[in-house]
Amino acid sequence: MLRPAYPISTARLLLRPYAETDLAALADIYRRPEVVRYLYEEPRSTEKMRELIKDRLGKVALEKGGDSLSIVVALKEDPGTAIGTATLLWVSEEHAQGEVGYTLHPDHQGKGYATEITRTLVDLGFRDTKLHRIIGRLDGRNLASARVLEKAGMRKEAHLVENEFVKGEWTDEAIYAILRSEWERTQVLD
């Protein structure tokens, strides 16, 4: 089981549960076509974002397979303003597998925040649970996210060609992963 003490502090960020007060900032992020370009969903209206926040308000612990940590990302110097979101999903109890994901406002991309988030989620997944493997899945065209996962210590395991029909087109999917044993080796080096 994983029930982190919030906020989770990284070098530059605070990771915290969703709050209803995040509506304006998150609606601004998810309304942008460039943000959702490689995601399954279309840009979200404010009302759709309100529904998403309501759904994620209580997702703060991993107690069983299917649970997720749904987290808002904020800068330490401005903890009240969301600059993105992140998720650690417990995909399977039987296979001890998790999955990480993140989304950032365009003004905060390219600054290493996504790597910082991903490393933190991977650390939580391995240090505080019995996960054996953590994956990251992305649209095969999303080279920036591929670099983030590699910098976070994950390796590319698969490139599935035109395996999903998303937003009216066949798209490739890349799958990255890290095993607990690989993560443990990096902890010895730190």
N, C-alpha and C. Protein backbone atom coordinates (compact mmCIF):
# COMPACT_ATOMS: atom_id res chain seq x y z
N MET A 1 0.84 -1.19 0.00
CA MET A 1 0.00 0.00 0.00
C MET A 1 0.88 1.25 0.00
N LEU A 2 0.43 2.27 -0.68
CA LEU A 2 1.16 3.54 -0.73
C LEU A 2 0.19 4.68 -0.43
N ARG A 3 0.47 5.38 0.64
CA ARG A 3 -0.29 6.59 1.00
C ARG A 3 0.75 7.65 1.35
N PRO A 4 1.21 8.40 0.33
CA PRO A 4 2.29 9.37 0.58
C PRO A 4 1.85 10.50 1.50
N ALA A 5 2.83 11.09 2.15
CA ALA A 5 2.60 12.32 2.91
C ALA A 5 2.64 13.46 1.89
N TYR A 6 1.56 14.19 1.78
CA TYR A 6 1.47 15.29 0.82
C TYR A 6 1.73 16.62 1.52
N PRO A 7 2.27 17.58 0.79
CA PRO A 7 2.75 17.47 -0.59
C PRO A 7 4.07 16.71 -0.66
N ILE A 8 4.27 16.07 -1.80
CA ILE A 8 5.53 15.40 -2.08
C ILE A 8 6.45 16.46 -2.66
N SER A 9 7.59 16.63 -2.05
CA SER A 9 8.52 17.69 -2.45
C SER A 9 9.66 17.12 -3.28
N THR A 10 9.94 17.76 -4.42
CA THR A 10 11.11 17.43 -5.22
C THR A 10 12.04 18.65 -5.17
N ALA A 11 13.07 18.65 -5.96
CA ALA A 11 14.00 19.78 -5.95
C ALA A 11 13.30 21.10 -6.25
N ARG A 12 12.38 21.09 -7.21
CA ARG A 12 11.75 22.35 -7.63
C ARG A 12 10.23 22.34 -7.58
N LEU A 13 9.65 21.18 -7.30
CA LEU A 13 8.20 21.01 -7.44
C LEU A 13 7.55 20.52 -6.17
N LEU A 14 6.23 20.73 -6.11
CA LEU A 14 5.38 20.11 -5.10
C LEU A 14 4.34 19.28 -5.84
N LEU A 15 4.18 18.04 -5.44
CA LEU A 15 3.17 17.15 -5.99
C LEU A 15 2.14 16.96 -4.90
N ARG A 16 0.89 17.28 -5.22
CA ARG A 16 -0.16 17.29 -4.20
C ARG A 16 -1.47 16.78 -4.78
N PRO A 17 -2.43 16.43 -3.93
CA PRO A 17 -3.73 16.00 -4.43
C PRO A 17 -4.45 17.13 -5.18
N TYR A 18 -5.37 16.73 -6.03
CA TYR A 18 -6.24 17.69 -6.72
C TYR A 18 -7.06 18.46 -5.70
N ALA A 19 -7.39 19.69 -6.05
CA ALA A 19 -8.29 20.52 -5.24
C ALA A 19 -9.24 21.23 -6.20
N GLU A 20 -10.42 21.52 -5.74
CA GLU A 20 -11.39 22.23 -6.58
C GLU A 20 -10.85 23.59 -7.03
N THR A 21 -9.98 24.17 -6.25
CA THR A 21 -9.39 25.46 -6.60
C THR A 21 -8.42 25.37 -7.79
N ASP A 22 -8.12 24.16 -8.25
CA ASP A 22 -7.24 23.97 -9.41
C ASP A 22 -7.97 24.13 -10.74
N LEU A 23 -9.27 24.32 -10.70
CA LEU A 23 -10.07 24.32 -11.92
C LEU A 23 -9.56 25.28 -12.99
N ALA A 24 -9.35 26.53 -12.67
CA ALA A 24 -8.95 27.51 -13.69
C ALA A 24 -7.61 27.14 -14.33
N ALA A 25 -6.63 26.80 -13.51
CA ALA A 25 -5.30 26.47 -14.04
C ALA A 25 -5.33 25.20 -14.88
N LEU A 26 -6.02 24.17 -14.40
CA LEU A 26 -6.07 22.91 -15.16
C LEU A 26 -6.91 23.04 -16.42
N ALA A 27 -7.99 23.81 -16.35
CA ALA A 27 -8.79 24.05 -17.56
C ALA A 27 -7.95 24.77 -18.60
N ASP A 28 -7.10 25.69 -18.17
CA ASP A 28 -6.22 26.40 -19.10
C ASP A 28 -5.23 25.44 -19.76
N ILE A 29 -4.75 24.47 -19.01
CA ILE A 29 -3.80 23.50 -19.58
C ILE A 29 -4.49 22.58 -20.56
N TYR A 30 -5.57 21.95 -20.14
CA TYR A 30 -6.21 20.89 -20.93
C TYR A 30 -7.11 21.40 -22.07
N ARG A 31 -7.31 22.71 -22.16
CA ARG A 31 -8.08 23.25 -23.29
C ARG A 31 -7.22 23.39 -24.55
N ARG A 32 -5.91 23.27 -24.39
CA ARG A 32 -4.95 23.54 -25.46
C ARG A 32 -4.74 22.31 -26.36
N PRO A 33 -4.97 22.46 -27.66
CA PRO A 33 -4.75 21.33 -28.58
C PRO A 33 -3.33 20.79 -28.52
N GLU A 34 -2.32 21.65 -28.33
CA GLU A 34 -0.94 21.18 -28.30
C GLU A 34 -0.65 20.33 -27.06
N VAL A 35 -1.42 20.51 -25.99
CA VAL A 35 -1.22 19.71 -24.78
C VAL A 35 -1.80 18.31 -24.96
N VAL A 36 -2.96 18.21 -25.60
CA VAL A 36 -3.62 16.90 -25.74
C VAL A 36 -3.32 16.23 -27.09
N ARG A 37 -2.42 16.80 -27.84
CA ARG A 37 -2.11 16.27 -29.18
C ARG A 37 -1.86 14.77 -29.16
N TYR A 38 -1.06 14.29 -28.21
CA TYR A 38 -0.70 12.88 -28.16
C TYR A 38 -1.49 12.09 -27.11
N LEU A 39 -2.52 12.69 -26.55
CA LEU A 39 -3.37 12.01 -25.57
C LEU A 39 -4.63 11.48 -26.25
N TYR A 40 -5.36 10.61 -25.58
CA TYR A 40 -6.57 10.04 -26.15
C TYR A 40 -7.70 11.05 -26.27
N GLU A 41 -7.74 12.02 -25.36
CA GLU A 41 -8.87 12.93 -25.33
C GLU A 41 -8.63 14.18 -26.18
N GLU A 42 -9.73 14.81 -26.48
CA GLU A 42 -9.72 16.11 -27.16
C GLU A 42 -9.54 17.19 -26.11
N PRO A 43 -9.31 18.45 -26.52
CA PRO A 43 -9.26 19.54 -25.53
C PRO A 43 -10.51 19.52 -24.66
N ARG A 44 -10.35 19.84 -23.39
CA ARG A 44 -11.45 19.78 -22.43
C ARG A 44 -12.05 21.16 -22.18
N SER A 45 -13.35 21.18 -22.07
CA SER A 45 -14.04 22.40 -21.64
C SER A 45 -13.85 22.55 -20.13
N THR A 46 -14.18 23.72 -19.62
CA THR A 46 -14.10 23.95 -18.19
C THR A 46 -15.00 22.97 -17.45
N GLU A 47 -16.18 22.71 -17.99
CA GLU A 47 -17.11 21.77 -17.34
C GLU A 47 -16.54 20.35 -17.32
N LYS A 48 -15.92 19.92 -18.40
CA LYS A 48 -15.29 18.59 -18.44
C LYS A 48 -14.12 18.52 -17.45
N MET A 49 -13.40 19.62 -17.32
CA MET A 49 -12.29 19.65 -16.37
C MET A 49 -12.83 19.58 -14.94
N ARG A 50 -13.94 20.24 -14.68
CA ARG A 50 -14.57 20.18 -13.35
C ARG A 50 -14.92 18.72 -13.01
N GLU A 51 -15.47 17.98 -13.99
CA GLU A 51 -15.81 16.57 -13.78
C GLU A 51 -14.56 15.74 -13.51
N LEU A 52 -13.49 16.00 -14.25
CA LEU A 52 -12.24 15.27 -14.06
C LEU A 52 -11.69 15.52 -12.66
N ILE A 53 -11.68 16.76 -12.22
CA ILE A 53 -11.18 17.09 -10.88
C ILE A 53 -12.02 16.38 -9.83
N LYS A 54 -13.33 16.41 -9.99
CA LYS A 54 -14.22 15.74 -9.03
C LYS A 54 -13.88 14.26 -8.94
N ASP A 55 -13.61 13.63 -10.09
CA ASP A 55 -13.26 12.21 -10.13
C ASP A 55 -11.93 11.94 -9.43
N ARG A 56 -10.99 12.85 -9.53
CA ARG A 56 -9.64 12.60 -9.03
C ARG A 56 -9.39 13.11 -7.61
N LEU A 57 -10.36 13.78 -7.02
CA LEU A 57 -10.17 14.35 -5.68
C LEU A 57 -9.73 13.32 -4.64
N GLY A 58 -10.26 12.13 -4.68
CA GLY A 58 -9.94 11.14 -3.67
C GLY A 58 -8.89 10.13 -4.06
N LYS A 59 -8.26 10.32 -5.19
CA LYS A 59 -7.27 9.34 -5.66
C LYS A 59 -5.89 9.71 -5.15
N VAL A 60 -5.67 9.39 -3.87
CA VAL A 60 -4.46 9.83 -3.19
C VAL A 60 -3.64 8.68 -2.61
N ALA A 61 -4.08 7.42 -2.85
CA ALA A 61 -3.37 6.27 -2.29
C ALA A 61 -3.49 5.08 -3.23
N LEU A 62 -2.53 4.19 -3.13
CA LEU A 62 -2.59 2.91 -3.84
C LEU A 62 -2.85 1.84 -2.79
N GLU A 63 -4.05 1.28 -2.80
CA GLU A 63 -4.41 0.24 -1.85
C GLU A 63 -4.63 -1.11 -2.52
N LYS A 64 -5.00 -1.08 -3.81
CA LYS A 64 -5.25 -2.30 -4.57
C LYS A 64 -5.06 -2.01 -6.05
N GLY A 65 -4.94 -3.08 -6.82
CA GLY A 65 -4.80 -2.92 -8.27
C GLY A 65 -5.93 -2.09 -8.84
N GLY A 66 -5.60 -1.23 -9.78
CA GLY A 66 -6.58 -0.32 -10.37
C GLY A 66 -6.59 1.06 -9.74
N ASP A 67 -6.04 1.18 -8.53
CA ASP A 67 -5.97 2.49 -7.86
C ASP A 67 -4.90 3.36 -8.51
N SER A 68 -5.05 4.67 -8.36
CA SER A 68 -4.05 5.59 -8.88
C SER A 68 -3.81 6.73 -7.91
N LEU A 69 -2.56 7.21 -7.95
CA LEU A 69 -2.25 8.48 -7.31
C LEU A 69 -2.44 9.51 -8.41
N SER A 70 -3.42 10.34 -8.25
CA SER A 70 -3.68 11.41 -9.22
C SER A 70 -3.24 12.71 -8.57
N ILE A 71 -2.24 13.32 -9.16
CA ILE A 71 -1.50 14.39 -8.49
C ILE A 71 -1.46 15.65 -9.35
N VAL A 72 -1.54 16.79 -8.69
CA VAL A 72 -1.35 18.08 -9.32
C VAL A 72 0.10 18.49 -9.09
N VAL A 73 0.70 19.08 -10.11
CA VAL A 73 2.09 19.54 -10.04
C VAL A 73 2.09 21.06 -9.93
N ALA A 74 2.87 21.56 -8.95
CA ALA A 74 3.01 23.01 -8.78
C ALA A 74 4.47 23.34 -8.52
N LEU A 75 4.87 24.55 -8.84
CA LEU A 75 6.22 25.02 -8.52
C LEU A 75 6.29 25.33 -7.03
N LYS A 76 7.44 25.07 -6.42
CA LYS A 76 7.59 25.37 -4.99
C LYS A 76 7.33 26.84 -4.69
N GLU A 77 7.77 27.72 -5.60
CA GLU A 77 7.59 29.14 -5.31
C GLU A 77 6.16 29.63 -5.54
N ASP A 78 5.30 28.76 -6.11
CA ASP A 78 3.89 29.11 -6.33
C ASP A 78 3.04 27.86 -6.13
N PRO A 79 2.96 27.34 -4.89
CA PRO A 79 2.32 26.04 -4.65
C PRO A 79 0.82 26.00 -4.92
N GLY A 80 0.20 27.15 -5.00
CA GLY A 80 -1.24 27.18 -5.23
C GLY A 80 -1.64 27.09 -6.69
N THR A 81 -0.69 27.21 -7.61
CA THR A 81 -1.01 27.22 -9.03
C THR A 81 -0.51 25.96 -9.72
N ALA A 82 -1.44 25.20 -10.27
CA ALA A 82 -1.10 23.97 -10.97
C ALA A 82 -0.41 24.29 -12.29
N ILE A 83 0.70 23.59 -12.56
CA ILE A 83 1.37 23.70 -13.87
C ILE A 83 1.25 22.40 -14.64
N GLY A 84 0.63 21.40 -14.01
CA GLY A 84 0.46 20.12 -14.68
C GLY A 84 -0.16 19.09 -13.77
N THR A 85 -0.21 17.86 -14.29
CA THR A 85 -0.75 16.74 -13.53
C THR A 85 0.16 15.53 -13.73
N ALA A 86 0.03 14.58 -12.82
CA ALA A 86 0.81 13.34 -12.92
C ALA A 86 0.00 12.21 -12.32
N THR A 87 0.33 10.99 -12.74
CA THR A 87 -0.38 9.81 -12.26
C THR A 87 0.59 8.65 -12.07
N LEU A 88 0.40 7.94 -10.98
CA LEU A 88 1.02 6.63 -10.79
C LEU A 88 -0.14 5.66 -10.62
N LEU A 89 -0.29 4.77 -11.58
CA LEU A 89 -1.39 3.80 -11.62
C LEU A 89 -0.87 2.43 -11.25
N TRP A 90 -1.56 1.75 -10.33
CA TRP A 90 -1.25 0.36 -10.00
C TRP A 90 -2.02 -0.49 -11.00
N VAL A 91 -1.37 -0.86 -12.08
CA VAL A 91 -2.02 -1.54 -13.20
C VAL A 91 -2.47 -2.94 -12.81
N SER A 92 -1.60 -3.70 -12.14
CA SER A 92 -1.91 -5.09 -11.85
C SER A 92 -1.28 -5.53 -10.53
N GLU A 93 -2.10 -6.06 -9.64
CA GLU A 93 -1.57 -6.64 -8.41
C GLU A 93 -0.85 -7.95 -8.74
N GLU A 94 -1.49 -8.79 -9.55
CA GLU A 94 -0.94 -10.10 -9.88
C GLU A 94 0.46 -10.00 -10.48
N HIS A 95 0.63 -9.02 -11.37
CA HIS A 95 1.91 -8.88 -12.06
C HIS A 95 2.78 -7.77 -11.46
N ALA A 96 2.32 -7.17 -10.37
CA ALA A 96 3.06 -6.13 -9.65
C ALA A 96 3.57 -5.05 -10.61
N GLN A 97 2.65 -4.53 -11.41
CA GLN A 97 3.02 -3.56 -12.44
C GLN A 97 2.31 -2.23 -12.22
N GLY A 98 3.07 -1.15 -12.43
CA GLY A 98 2.53 0.19 -12.36
C GLY A 98 2.78 0.94 -13.65
N GLU A 99 2.18 2.11 -13.75
CA GLU A 99 2.35 2.96 -14.94
C GLU A 99 2.40 4.41 -14.50
N VAL A 100 3.29 5.18 -15.11
CA VAL A 100 3.40 6.60 -14.83
C VAL A 100 2.92 7.42 -16.03
N GLY A 101 2.44 8.61 -15.73
CA GLY A 101 2.04 9.54 -16.78
C GLY A 101 2.10 10.96 -16.24
N TYR A 102 2.16 11.94 -17.14
CA TYR A 102 2.26 13.34 -16.74
C TYR A 102 1.80 14.22 -17.89
N THR A 103 1.39 15.42 -17.54
CA THR A 103 1.02 16.46 -18.51
C THR A 103 1.45 17.79 -17.92
N LEU A 104 2.06 18.64 -18.74
CA LEU A 104 2.51 19.95 -18.27
C LEU A 104 1.99 21.07 -19.18
N HIS A 105 1.79 22.23 -18.59
CA HIS A 105 1.47 23.44 -19.35
C HIS A 105 2.64 23.72 -20.30
N PRO A 106 2.39 24.15 -21.53
CA PRO A 106 3.48 24.42 -22.47
C PRO A 106 4.54 25.38 -21.96
N ASP A 107 4.17 26.35 -21.12
CA ASP A 107 5.15 27.29 -20.59
C ASP A 107 6.16 26.61 -19.65
N HIS A 108 5.85 25.40 -19.22
CA HIS A 108 6.70 24.71 -18.26
C HIS A 108 7.32 23.43 -18.84
N GLN A 109 7.18 23.25 -20.13
CA GLN A 109 7.81 22.12 -20.79
C GLN A 109 9.24 22.47 -21.16
N GLY A 110 10.08 21.45 -21.31
CA GLY A 110 11.47 21.67 -21.73
C GLY A 110 12.38 22.18 -20.62
N LYS A 111 11.95 22.08 -19.38
CA LYS A 111 12.74 22.58 -18.24
C LYS A 111 13.17 21.46 -17.29
N GLY A 112 12.90 20.23 -17.69
CA GLY A 112 13.27 19.09 -16.85
C GLY A 112 12.24 18.71 -15.80
N TYR A 113 11.11 19.42 -15.76
CA TYR A 113 10.09 19.12 -14.75
C TYR A 113 9.49 17.73 -14.95
N ALA A 114 9.22 17.35 -16.19
CA ALA A 114 8.61 16.04 -16.46
C ALA A 114 9.53 14.91 -16.00
N THR A 115 10.83 15.07 -16.20
CA THR A 115 11.78 14.06 -15.74
C THR A 115 11.79 14.01 -14.21
N GLU A 116 11.76 15.16 -13.58
CA GLU A 116 11.73 15.24 -12.11
C GLU A 116 10.48 14.54 -11.57
N ILE A 117 9.35 14.78 -12.22
CA ILE A 117 8.08 14.15 -11.82
C ILE A 117 8.17 12.64 -11.99
N THR A 118 8.63 12.21 -13.15
CA THR A 118 8.67 10.77 -13.45
C THR A 118 9.60 10.04 -12.50
N ARG A 119 10.77 10.60 -12.25
CA ARG A 119 11.69 9.96 -11.30
C ARG A 119 11.06 9.82 -9.92
N THR A 120 10.35 10.85 -9.50
CA THR A 120 9.70 10.82 -8.19
C THR A 120 8.62 9.75 -8.15
N LEU A 121 7.81 9.63 -9.19
CA LEU A 121 6.77 8.61 -9.22
C LEU A 121 7.36 7.21 -9.26
N VAL A 122 8.43 7.03 -10.02
CA VAL A 122 9.10 5.73 -10.06
C VAL A 122 9.66 5.39 -8.68
N ASP A 123 10.30 6.36 -8.04
CA ASP A 123 10.82 6.13 -6.69
C ASP A 123 9.70 5.71 -5.73
N LEU A 124 8.57 6.43 -5.77
CA LEU A 124 7.44 6.07 -4.92
C LEU A 124 6.95 4.66 -5.23
N GLY A 125 6.84 4.35 -6.50
CA GLY A 125 6.33 3.05 -6.91
C GLY A 125 7.18 1.89 -6.45
N PHE A 126 8.48 2.08 -6.44
CA PHE A 126 9.36 0.99 -6.02
C PHE A 126 9.68 1.03 -4.53
N ARG A 127 9.92 2.20 -3.99
CA ARG A 127 10.33 2.31 -2.59
C ARG A 127 9.17 1.98 -1.64
N ASP A 128 8.00 2.43 -1.99
CA ASP A 128 6.88 2.34 -1.05
C ASP A 128 5.82 1.30 -1.40
N THR A 129 6.03 0.52 -2.44
CA THR A 129 5.09 -0.55 -2.79
C THR A 129 5.90 -1.78 -3.17
N LYS A 130 5.21 -2.80 -3.55
CA LYS A 130 5.88 -4.03 -3.98
C LYS A 130 5.85 -4.16 -5.50
N LEU A 131 5.83 -3.06 -6.21
CA LEU A 131 5.82 -3.13 -7.67
C LEU A 131 7.11 -3.77 -8.16
N HIS A 132 6.98 -4.55 -9.20
CA HIS A 132 8.12 -5.20 -9.85
C HIS A 132 8.56 -4.43 -11.09
N ARG A 133 7.59 -3.77 -11.74
CA ARG A 133 7.84 -3.14 -13.04
C ARG A 133 6.95 -1.92 -13.17
N ILE A 134 7.51 -0.84 -13.71
CA ILE A 134 6.74 0.37 -13.98
C ILE A 134 6.95 0.73 -15.44
N ILE A 135 5.85 1.04 -16.11
CA ILE A 135 5.91 1.39 -17.53
C ILE A 135 5.47 2.83 -17.76
N GLY A 136 5.80 3.31 -18.93
CA GLY A 136 5.29 4.56 -19.46
C GLY A 136 4.91 4.30 -20.91
N ARG A 137 3.68 4.63 -21.28
CA ARG A 137 3.22 4.43 -22.65
C ARG A 137 2.99 5.78 -23.31
N LEU A 138 3.34 5.88 -24.59
CA LEU A 138 3.15 7.16 -25.28
C LEU A 138 2.96 6.96 -26.76
N ASP A 139 2.38 7.97 -27.38
CA ASP A 139 2.25 8.00 -28.83
C ASP A 139 3.66 7.95 -29.41
N GLY A 140 3.87 7.10 -30.39
CA GLY A 140 5.20 6.91 -30.96
C GLY A 140 5.81 8.17 -31.56
N ARG A 141 5.00 9.17 -31.84
CA ARG A 141 5.52 10.43 -32.40
C ARG A 141 5.98 11.41 -31.32
N ASN A 142 5.68 11.10 -30.08
CA ASN A 142 5.97 12.03 -28.99
C ASN A 142 7.43 11.85 -28.52
N LEU A 143 8.34 12.38 -29.29
CA LEU A 143 9.76 12.21 -29.02
C LEU A 143 10.21 12.91 -27.74
N ALA A 144 9.57 14.02 -27.40
CA ALA A 144 9.93 14.72 -26.16
C ALA A 144 9.62 13.84 -24.95
N SER A 145 8.48 13.20 -24.93
CA SER A 145 8.15 12.32 -23.81
C SER A 145 9.04 11.07 -23.80
N ALA A 146 9.42 10.59 -24.95
CA ALA A 146 10.35 9.46 -25.01
C ALA A 146 11.66 9.83 -24.32
N ARG A 147 12.16 11.03 -24.58
CA ARG A 147 13.40 11.48 -23.94
C ARG A 147 13.23 11.61 -22.43
N VAL A 148 12.07 12.07 -21.99
CA VAL A 148 11.80 12.19 -20.55
C VAL A 148 11.90 10.82 -19.89
N LEU A 149 11.25 9.83 -20.47
CA LEU A 149 11.26 8.49 -19.86
C LEU A 149 12.66 7.90 -19.84
N GLU A 150 13.43 8.15 -20.90
CA GLU A 150 14.81 7.66 -20.92
C GLU A 150 15.65 8.35 -19.84
N LYS A 151 15.49 9.66 -19.69
CA LYS A 151 16.23 10.39 -18.66
C LYS A 151 15.83 9.93 -17.26
N ALA A 152 14.61 9.44 -17.12
CA ALA A 152 14.12 8.95 -15.83
C ALA A 152 14.57 7.52 -15.57
N GLY A 153 15.37 6.95 -16.47
CA GLY A 153 15.93 5.62 -16.25
C GLY A 153 15.18 4.49 -16.92
N MET A 154 14.16 4.81 -17.69
CA MET A 154 13.39 3.76 -18.35
C MET A 154 14.02 3.44 -19.71
N ARG A 155 13.77 2.22 -20.15
CA ARG A 155 14.28 1.80 -21.46
C ARG A 155 13.12 1.46 -22.37
N LYS A 156 13.34 1.66 -23.65
CA LYS A 156 12.29 1.36 -24.63
C LYS A 156 12.19 -0.15 -24.76
N GLU A 157 10.98 -0.66 -24.59
CA GLU A 157 10.73 -2.09 -24.71
C GLU A 157 10.02 -2.45 -25.99
N ALA A 158 9.20 -1.54 -26.50
CA ALA A 158 8.41 -1.90 -27.68
C ALA A 158 8.02 -0.66 -28.46
N HIS A 159 7.88 -0.85 -29.74
CA HIS A 159 7.29 0.15 -30.63
C HIS A 159 6.23 -0.59 -31.44
N LEU A 160 4.98 -0.35 -31.07
CA LEU A 160 3.86 -1.02 -31.72
C LEU A 160 3.38 -0.15 -32.87
N VAL A 161 3.35 -0.71 -34.05
CA VAL A 161 3.03 0.04 -35.26
C VAL A 161 1.52 0.05 -35.51
N GLU A 162 0.98 1.27 -35.62
CA GLU A 162 -0.44 1.48 -35.90
C GLU A 162 -1.34 0.54 -35.10
N ASN A 163 -1.10 0.47 -33.79
CA ASN A 163 -1.87 -0.45 -32.97
C ASN A 163 -3.14 0.14 -32.38
N GLU A 164 -3.30 1.48 -32.47
CA GLU A 164 -4.50 2.11 -31.92
C GLU A 164 -5.05 3.13 -32.92
N PHE A 165 -6.37 3.22 -32.93
CA PHE A 165 -7.04 4.22 -33.76
C PHE A 165 -7.46 5.35 -32.84
N VAL A 166 -6.75 6.48 -32.91
CA VAL A 166 -6.94 7.59 -31.98
C VAL A 166 -7.21 8.87 -32.76
N LYS A 167 -8.30 9.54 -32.42
CA LYS A 167 -8.64 10.82 -33.03
C LYS A 167 -8.66 10.73 -34.56
N GLY A 168 -9.22 9.66 -35.06
CA GLY A 168 -9.42 9.52 -36.50
C GLY A 168 -8.23 9.02 -37.29
N GLU A 169 -7.18 8.53 -36.62
CA GLU A 169 -6.02 8.01 -37.35
C GLU A 169 -5.36 6.86 -36.60
N TRP A 170 -4.70 6.01 -37.35
CA TRP A 170 -3.92 4.93 -36.75
C TRP A 170 -2.63 5.52 -36.22
N THR A 171 -2.31 5.17 -34.97
CA THR A 171 -1.10 5.71 -34.36
C THR A 171 -0.23 4.58 -33.79
N ASP A 172 1.05 4.86 -33.74
CA ASP A 172 2.01 3.95 -33.11
C ASP A 172 2.03 4.21 -31.61
N GLU A 173 2.45 3.21 -30.87
CA GLU A 173 2.61 3.36 -29.43
C GLU A 173 4.00 2.87 -29.03
N ALA A 174 4.68 3.65 -28.20
CA ALA A 174 5.97 3.24 -27.66
C ALA A 174 5.77 2.91 -26.19
N ILE A 175 6.44 1.86 -25.74
CA ILE A 175 6.34 1.43 -24.35
C ILE A 175 7.74 1.42 -23.75
N TYR A 176 7.86 2.14 -22.65
CA TYR A 176 9.11 2.21 -21.89
C TYR A 176 8.87 1.53 -20.54
N ALA A 177 9.94 1.01 -19.94
CA ALA A 177 9.77 0.34 -18.65
C ALA A 177 11.07 0.36 -17.86
N ILE A 178 10.90 0.13 -16.57
CA ILE A 178 12.03 -0.06 -15.66
C ILE A 178 11.59 -1.12 -14.65
N LEU A 179 12.51 -2.04 -14.35
CA LEU A 179 12.27 -3.07 -13.35
C LEU A 179 12.79 -2.61 -12.00
N ARG A 180 12.24 -3.17 -10.95
CA ARG A 180 12.71 -2.86 -9.60
C ARG A 180 14.22 -3.09 -9.49
N SER A 181 14.73 -4.19 -10.06
CA SER A 181 16.16 -4.49 -9.96
C SER A 181 17.00 -3.42 -10.66
N GLU A 182 16.51 -2.89 -11.76
CA GLU A 182 17.23 -1.81 -12.47
C GLU A 182 17.21 -0.54 -11.63
N TRP A 183 16.07 -0.24 -11.05
CA TRP A 183 15.95 0.95 -10.19
C TRP A 183 16.86 0.81 -8.97
N GLU A 184 16.89 -0.38 -8.37
CA GLU A 184 17.74 -0.59 -7.18
C GLU A 184 19.21 -0.33 -7.49
N ARG A 185 19.67 -0.72 -8.67
CA ARG A 185 21.05 -0.46 -9.05
C ARG A 185 21.33 1.04 -9.12
N THR A 186 20.36 1.83 -9.54
CA THR A 186 20.58 3.28 -9.61
C THR A 186 20.62 3.88 -8.21
N GLN A 187 19.94 3.27 -7.25
CA GLN A 187 19.93 3.78 -5.88
C GLN A 187 21.29 3.58 -5.22
N VAL A 188 21.97 2.51 -5.57
CA VAL A 188 23.30 2.24 -5.03
C VAL A 188 24.27 3.28 -5.52
N LEU A 189 24.08 3.75 -6.77
CA LEU A 189 24.99 4.72 -7.37
C LEU A 189 24.79 6.12 -6.82
N ASP A 190 23.59 6.43 -6.34
CA ASP A 190 23.31 7.80 -5.86
C ASP A 190 23.99 8.13 -4.57
